[in-house]
C-alpha atoms as a PDB file:
ATOM      1  CA  UNK A   1       0.000   0.000   0.000  1.00  0.00           C
ATOM      2  CA  UNK A   2       1.245   3.261  -1.038  1.00  0.00           C
ATOM      3  CA  UNK A   3       0.180   6.314   0.696  1.00  0.00           C
ATOM      4  CA  UNK A   4       0.490   9.684  -0.790  1.00  0.00           C
ATOM      5  CA  UNK A   5       1.453  12.388   1.657  1.00  0.00           C
ATOM      6  CA  UNK A   6       0.981  15.975   0.830  1.00  0.00           C
ATOM      7  CA  UNK A   7       3.529  18.673   1.522  1.00  0.00           C
ATOM      8  CA  UNK A   8       1.183  20.244   3.968  1.00  0.00           C
ATOM      9  CA  UNK A   9       1.047  16.986   5.841  1.00  0.00           C
ATOM     10  CA  UNK A  10       4.856  16.660   5.731  1.00  0.00           C
ATOM     11  CA  UNK A  11       5.266  20.180   7.025  1.00  0.00           C
ATOM     12  CA  UNK A  12       2.782  19.412   9.779  1.00  0.00           C
ATOM     13  CA  UNK A  13       4.702  16.247  10.722  1.00  0.00           C
ATOM     14  CA  UNK A  14       8.012  18.144  10.725  1.00  0.00           C
ATOM     15  CA  UNK A  15       6.464  20.878  12.837  1.00  0.00           C
ATOM     16  CA  UNK A  16       5.072  18.263  15.280  1.00  0.00           C
ATOM     17  CA  UNK A  17       8.441  16.494  15.306  1.00  0.00           C
ATOM     18  CA  UNK A  18      10.267  19.772  16.106  1.00  0.00           C
ATOM     19  CA  UNK A  19       7.711  20.572  18.791  1.00  0.00           C
ATOM     20  CA  UNK A  20       8.153  17.081  20.256  1.00  0.00           C
ATOM     21  CA  UNK A  21      11.959  17.448  20.222  1.00  0.00           C
ATOM     22  CA  UNK A  22      11.652  20.866  21.860  1.00  0.00           C
ATOM     23  CA  UNK A  23       9.319  19.391  24.438  1.00  0.00           C
ATOM     24  CA  UNK A  24      11.823  16.545  25.032  1.00  0.00           C
ATOM     25  CA  UNK A  25      14.628  19.127  25.496  1.00  0.00           C
ATOM     26  CA  UNK A  26      12.518  21.084  27.990  1.00  0.00           C
ATOM     27  CA  UNK A  27      11.557  17.956  29.893  1.00  0.00           C
ATOM     28  CA  UNK A  28      15.175  16.717  29.824  1.00  0.00           C
ATOM     29  CA  UNK A  29      16.382  20.131  31.047  1.00  0.00           C
ATOM     30  CA  UNK A  30      13.790  20.141  33.820  1.00  0.00           C
ATOM     31  CA  UNK A  31      14.708  16.566  34.736  1.00  0.00           C
ATOM     32  CA  UNK A  32      18.420  17.435  34.761  1.00  0.00           C
ATOM     33  CA  UNK A  33      17.705  20.518  36.863  1.00  0.00           C
ATOM     34  CA  UNK A  34      15.597  18.482  39.308  1.00  0.00           C
ATOM     35  CA  UNK A  35      18.264  15.769  39.420  1.00  0.00           C
ATOM     36  CA  UNK A  36      20.958  18.393  40.121  1.00  0.00           C
ATOM     37  CA  UNK A  37      18.809  19.870  42.911  1.00  0.00           C
ATOM     38  CA  UNK A  38      18.325  16.413  44.422  1.00  0.00           C
ATOM     39  CA  UNK A  39      22.074  15.767  44.260  1.00  0.00           C
ATOM     40  CA  UNK A  40      22.780  19.113  45.995  1.00  0.00           C
ATOM     41  CA  UNK A  41      20.208  18.277  48.672  1.00  0.00           C
ATOM     42  CA  UNK A  42      21.805  14.844  49.046  1.00  0.00           C
ATOM     43  CA  UNK A  43      25.233  16.440  49.586  1.00  0.00           C
ATOM     44  CA  UNK A  44      23.807  18.942  52.084  1.00  0.00           C
ATOM     45  CA  UNK A  45      21.922  16.203  53.939  1.00  0.00           C
ATOM     46  CA  UNK A  46      24.973  13.930  53.951  1.00  0.00           C
ATOM     47  CA  UNK A  47      27.126  16.790  55.267  1.00  0.00           C
ATOM     48  CA  UNK A  48      24.582  17.510  58.015  1.00  0.00           C
ATOM     49  CA  UNK A  49      24.450  13.825  58.932  1.00  0.00           C
ATOM     50  CA  UNK A  50      28.261  13.612  59.108  1.00  0.00           C
ATOM     51  CA  UNK A  51      28.439  16.774  61.241  1.00  0.00           C
ATOM     52  CA  UNK A  52      25.660  15.456  63.479  1.00  0.00           C
ATOM     53  CA  UNK A  53      27.525  12.171  63.849  1.00  0.00           C
ATOM     54  CA  UNK A  54      30.762  13.993  64.720  1.00  0.00           C
ATOM     55  CA  UNK A  55      28.903  16.239  67.155  1.00  0.00           C
ATOM     56  CA  UNK A  56      27.224  13.213  68.714  1.00  0.00           C
ATOM     57  CA  UNK A  57      30.629  11.602  69.151  1.00  0.00           C
ATOM     58  CA  UNK A  58      32.043  14.774  70.749  1.00  0.00           C
ATOM     59  CA  UNK A  59      29.006  15.153  72.993  1.00  0.00           C
ATOM     60  CA  UNK A  60      29.352  11.492  73.992  1.00  0.00           C
ATOM     61  CA  UNK A  61      32.986  12.051  74.984  1.00  0.00           C
ATOM     62  CA  UNK A  62      32.095  15.235  76.879  1.00  0.00           C
ATOM     63  CA  UNK A  63      29.228  13.451  78.617  1.00  0.00           C
ATOM     64  CA  UNK A  64      31.535  10.584  79.580  1.00  0.00           C
ATOM     65  CA  UNK A  65      34.069  13.008  81.098  1.00  0.00           C
ATOM     66  CA  UNK A  66      31.276  14.891  82.854  1.00  0.00           C
ATOM     67  CA  UNK A  67      29.920  11.650  84.302  1.00  0.00           C
ATOM     68  CA  UNK A  68      33.403  10.706  85.540  1.00  0.00           C
ATOM     69  CA  UNK A  69      33.825  14.156  87.114  1.00  0.00           C
ATOM     70  CA  UNK A  70      30.349  13.897  88.623  1.00  0.00           C
ATOM     71  CA  UNK A  71      31.167  10.502  90.135  1.00  0.00           C
ATOM     72  CA  UNK A  72      34.403  11.888  91.588  1.00  0.00           C
ATOM     73  CA  UNK A  73      32.575  14.952  92.935  1.00  0.00           C
ATOM     74  CA  UNK A  74      29.873  12.753  94.462  1.00  0.00           C
ATOM     75  CA  UNK A  75      32.535  10.609  96.115  1.00  0.00           C
ATOM     76  CA  UNK A  76      34.275  13.707  97.441  1.00  0.00           C
ATOM     77  CA  UNK A  77      30.939  15.098  98.624  1.00  0.00           C
ATOM     78  CA  UNK A  78      30.176  11.844 100.417  1.00  0.00           C
ATOM     79  CA  UNK A  79      33.565  11.925 102.153  1.00  0.00           C
ATOM     80  CA  UNK A  80      33.050  15.561 103.128  1.00  0.00           C
ATOM     81  CA  UNK A  81      29.553  14.744 104.407  1.00  0.00           C
ATOM     82  CA  UNK A  82      30.989  11.958 106.559  1.00  0.00           C
ATOM     83  CA  UNK A  83      33.676  14.329 107.849  1.00  0.00           C
ATOM     84  CA  UNK A  84      31.067  17.031 108.574  1.00  0.00           C
ATOM     85  CA  UNK A  85      28.950  14.549 110.533  1.00  0.00           C
ATOM     86  CA  UNK A  86      31.996  13.443 112.500  1.00  0.00           C
ATOM     87  CA  UNK A  87      32.974  17.026 113.241  1.00  0.00           C
ATOM     88  CA  UNK A  88      29.403  17.904 114.258  1.00  0.00           C
ATOM     89  CA  UNK A  89      29.313  14.960 116.640  1.00  0.00           C
ATOM     90  CA  UNK A  90      32.670  16.026 118.026  1.00  0.00           C
ATOM     91  CA  UNK A  91      31.485  19.623 118.359  1.00  0.00           C
ATOM     92  CA  UNK A  92      28.195  18.654 119.983  1.00  0.00           C
ATOM     93  CA  UNK A  93      29.839  16.357 122.500  1.00  0.00           C
ATOM     94  CA  UNK A  94      30.815  18.550 125.401  1.00  0.00           C
ATOM     95  CA  UNK A  95      34.023  17.696 127.193  1.00  0.00           C
ATOM     96  CA  UNK A  96      33.593  15.859 130.462  1.00  0.00           C
ATOM     97  CA  UNK A  97      35.310  16.710 133.719  1.00  0.00           C
ATOM     98  CA  UNK A  98      38.804  15.231 133.718  1.00  0.00           C
ATOM     99  CA  UNK A  99      38.948  14.582 129.945  1.00  0.00           C
ATOM    100  CA  UNK A 100      42.578  14.874 128.903  1.00  0.00           C
ATOM    101  CA  UNK A 101      44.411  16.246 125.892  1.00  0.00           C
ATOM    102  CA  UNK A 102      48.125  16.079 125.225  1.00  0.00           C
ATOM    103  CA  UNK A 103      50.063  19.044 123.875  1.00  0.00           C
ATOM    104  CA  UNK A 104      53.275  18.143 122.070  1.00  0.00           C
ATOM    105  CA  UNK A 105      55.973  20.743 122.759  1.00  0.00           C
ATOM    106  CA  UNK A 106      59.039  21.323 120.599  1.00  0.00           C
ATOM    107  CA  UNK A 107      61.688  23.122 122.671  1.00  0.00           C
ATOM    108  CA  UNK A 108      58.911  24.393 124.939  1.00  0.00           C
ATOM    109  CA  UNK A 109      56.729  25.787 122.145  1.00  0.00           C
ATOM    110  CA  UNK A 110      53.338  24.153 121.417  1.00  0.00           C
ATOM    111  CA  UNK A 111      53.571  22.060 118.272  1.00  0.00           C
ATOM    112  CA  UNK A 112      50.355  19.985 118.110  1.00  0.00           C
ATOM    113  CA  UNK A 113      47.403  18.875 120.232  1.00  0.00           C
ATOM    114  CA  UNK A 114      46.435  15.198 120.458  1.00  0.00           C
ATOM    115  CA  UNK A 115      43.671  13.182 122.057  1.00  0.00           C
ATOM    116  CA  UNK A 116      46.210  10.850 123.666  1.00  0.00           C
ATOM    117  CA  UNK A 117      49.855  10.699 124.673  1.00  0.00           C
ATOM    118  CA  UNK A 118      50.383   7.750 122.274  1.00  0.00           C
ATOM    119  CA  UNK A 119      49.264   9.848 119.280  1.00  0.00           C
ATOM    120  CA  UNK A 120      51.734  12.582 120.274  1.00  0.00           C
ATOM    121  CA  UNK A 121      54.552  10.031 120.560  1.00  0.00           C
ATOM    122  CA  UNK A 122      53.658   8.580 117.147  1.00  0.00           C
ATOM    123  CA  UNK A 123      53.793  12.056 115.584  1.00  0.00           C
ATOM    124  CA  UNK A 124      57.320  12.620 116.858  1.00  0.00           C
ATOM    125  CA  UNK A 125      58.359   9.590 114.787  1.00  0.00           C
ATOM    126  CA  UNK A 126      57.224  11.521 111.703  1.00  0.00           C
ATOM    127  CA  UNK A 127      59.645  14.308 112.641  1.00  0.00           C
ATOM    128  CA  UNK A 128      62.733  12.111 112.565  1.00  0.00           C
ATOM    129  CA  UNK A 129      62.769  10.480 115.991  1.00  0.00           C
ATOM    130  CA  UNK A 130      62.706   6.676 116.196  1.00  0.00           C
ATOM    131  CA  UNK A 131      59.265   5.133 116.694  1.00  0.00           C
ATOM    132  CA  UNK A 132      60.542   3.130 119.668  1.00  0.00           C
ATOM    133  CA  UNK A 133      61.937   6.227 121.424  1.00  0.00           C
ATOM    134  CA  UNK A 134      61.794   5.775 125.180  1.00  0.00           C
ATOM    135  CA  UNK A 135      60.081   8.741 126.771  1.00  0.00           C
ATOM    136  CA  UNK A 136      61.232   9.599 130.229  1.00  0.00           C
ATOM    137  CA  UNK A 137      60.448  12.281 132.778  1.00  0.00           C
ATOM    138  CA  UNK A 138      61.771  15.728 132.068  1.00  0.00           C
ATOM    139  CA  UNK A 139      62.981  16.045 135.612  1.00  0.00           C
ATOM    140  CA  UNK A 140      64.219  19.469 136.640  1.00  0.00           C
ATOM    141  CA  UNK A 141      64.883  20.576 133.060  1.00  0.00           C
ATOM    142  CA  UNK A 142      62.560  23.196 131.608  1.00  0.00           C
ATOM    143  CA  UNK A 143      60.477  22.397 128.544  1.00  0.00           C
ATOM    144  CA  UNK A 144      62.714  24.723 126.495  1.00  0.00           C
ATOM    145  CA  UNK A 145      65.702  22.449 127.135  1.00  0.00           C
ATOM    146  CA  UNK A 146      63.951  19.346 125.733  1.00  0.00           C
ATOM    147  CA  UNK A 147      63.627  18.838 121.996  1.00  0.00           C
ATOM    148  CA  UNK A 148      60.265  17.069 122.348  1.00  0.00           C
ATOM    149  CA  UNK A 149      58.060  16.859 125.423  1.00  0.00           C
ATOM    150  CA  UNK A 150      54.398  16.233 126.211  1.00  0.00           C
ATOM    151  CA  UNK A 151      52.162  18.182 128.566  1.00  0.00           C
ATOM    152  CA  UNK A 152      48.819  16.740 129.622  1.00  0.00           C
ATOM    153  CA  UNK A 153      45.864  19.113 129.902  1.00  0.00           C
ATOM    154  CA  UNK A 154      42.552  18.192 131.539  1.00  0.00           C
ATOM    155  CA  UNK A 155      39.098  19.698 131.149  1.00  0.00           C
ATOM    156  CA  UNK A 156      38.049  21.861 134.074  1.00  0.00           C
ATOM    157  CA  UNK A 157      34.268  22.384 134.060  1.00  0.00           C
ATOM    158  CA  UNK A 158      34.512  25.199 136.618  1.00  0.00           C
ATOM    159  CA  UNK A 159      36.819  27.151 134.330  1.00  0.00           C
ATOM    160  CA  UNK A 160      34.969  25.967 131.170  1.00  0.00           C
ATOM    161  CA  UNK A 161      38.288  25.099 129.589  1.00  0.00           C
ATOM    162  CA  UNK A 162      41.440  23.025 129.797  1.00  0.00           C
ATOM    163  CA  UNK A 163      44.232  23.486 132.332  1.00  0.00           C
ATOM    164  CA  UNK A 164      47.559  21.799 132.860  1.00  0.00           C
ATOM    165  CA  UNK A 165      47.296  18.521 134.671  1.00  0.00           C
ATOM    166  CA  UNK A 166      50.431  19.312 136.680  1.00  0.00           C
ATOM    167  CA  UNK A 167      51.165  22.915 137.484  1.00  0.00           C
ATOM    168  CA  UNK A 168      54.893  23.736 137.469  1.00  0.00           C
ATOM    169  CA  UNK A 169      56.417  25.147 140.603  1.00  0.00           C
ATOM    170  CA  UNK A 170      56.547  28.927 140.388  1.00  0.00           C
ATOM    171  CA  UNK A 171      59.961  30.308 139.559  1.00  0.00           C
ATOM    172  CA  UNK A 172      61.358  32.883 141.965  1.00  0.00           C
ATOM    173  CA  UNK A 173      61.108  36.438 140.736  1.00  0.00           C
ATOM    174  CA  UNK A 174      64.363  38.343 140.461  1.00  0.00           C
ATOM    175  CA  UNK A 175      66.408  35.706 142.269  1.00  0.00           C
ATOM    176  CA  UNK A 176      64.413  35.956 145.515  1.00  0.00           C
ATOM    177  CA  UNK A 177      64.177  32.753 147.462  1.00  0.00           C
END
């Protein structure tokens, strides 16, 4: 079958073909533009995700350090709370008549105060004296002549304070006897 096509029909087909090609170019351009926009959005989204992941990692490390510091602070707070309770109990307990303290003297000058004579003797070992040092009476020597000596003090309720357990003999004034 042979079909005869007129020039008008050929021109119409060419015109339709050009219009279709133009339409294809427009659609292809729009598709390329949309694809490019999607790719840009993909890059932006990927960048945000990577930054968020890095930030999450940093925040995790910071949180871990903060939790460690918090645990240490809580431990320190607990120890301080225990110490405060102990000190409050000590403060609230009033001394009883005859309760003794020991003052450690270094060449007659007060060095430290201890609850017992044994604690004072143990502290002298820290200052270079042997731990098994034999402590003897001072005798007639003054406290200034002894490198280390201990003086007991007892609580006197009448005076509302501590006083020496043994009062030294008064020294004569100006050589008078």
